[in-house]
Amino acid sequence: QVRLRESGGGIRQAGGSLRLTCVSSAGLRMRYNGWFRRTPGKEREFVASIAEPSGISLYADSVKGRFTISRDIATNTLYLQMNNLVPEDTAVYYCTVGDAWGPGQQVTVSP
């Protein structure tokens, strides 16, 4: 069973940056690697992913150009660099590897 440990959430003003980290107990290759987010009253929505085996990154239109997904295969770590944050980015962010989900971490962006 893959277990995920997340860190890096917090509070920022609009225009600020945060980097989310997700450490997996299992390797990242040949498993789905992605980030999702959920705001109260809404369904969990896709943010970004790394396709296997191509390694091509995919992004939701709302974060394209501002967020970057990356990974360190050697340490089984998945990252989400979030720049130029806007209040609409406020959500609980979840990493996913394979069919495992992290516990989620709160990101709050103030105007």
Foldseek 3Di string as FASTA:
>chain_A
DKAKDKDWADEEAAQAKIKIKIFIPDFQAPWKKAKWWDDPPDDIGGAKTQDPPVRDIDGDPVQPPFWDWDADRVRRMIMIIGGRDDQVVFTWMWIDIHHDIYPTDTHGYHD
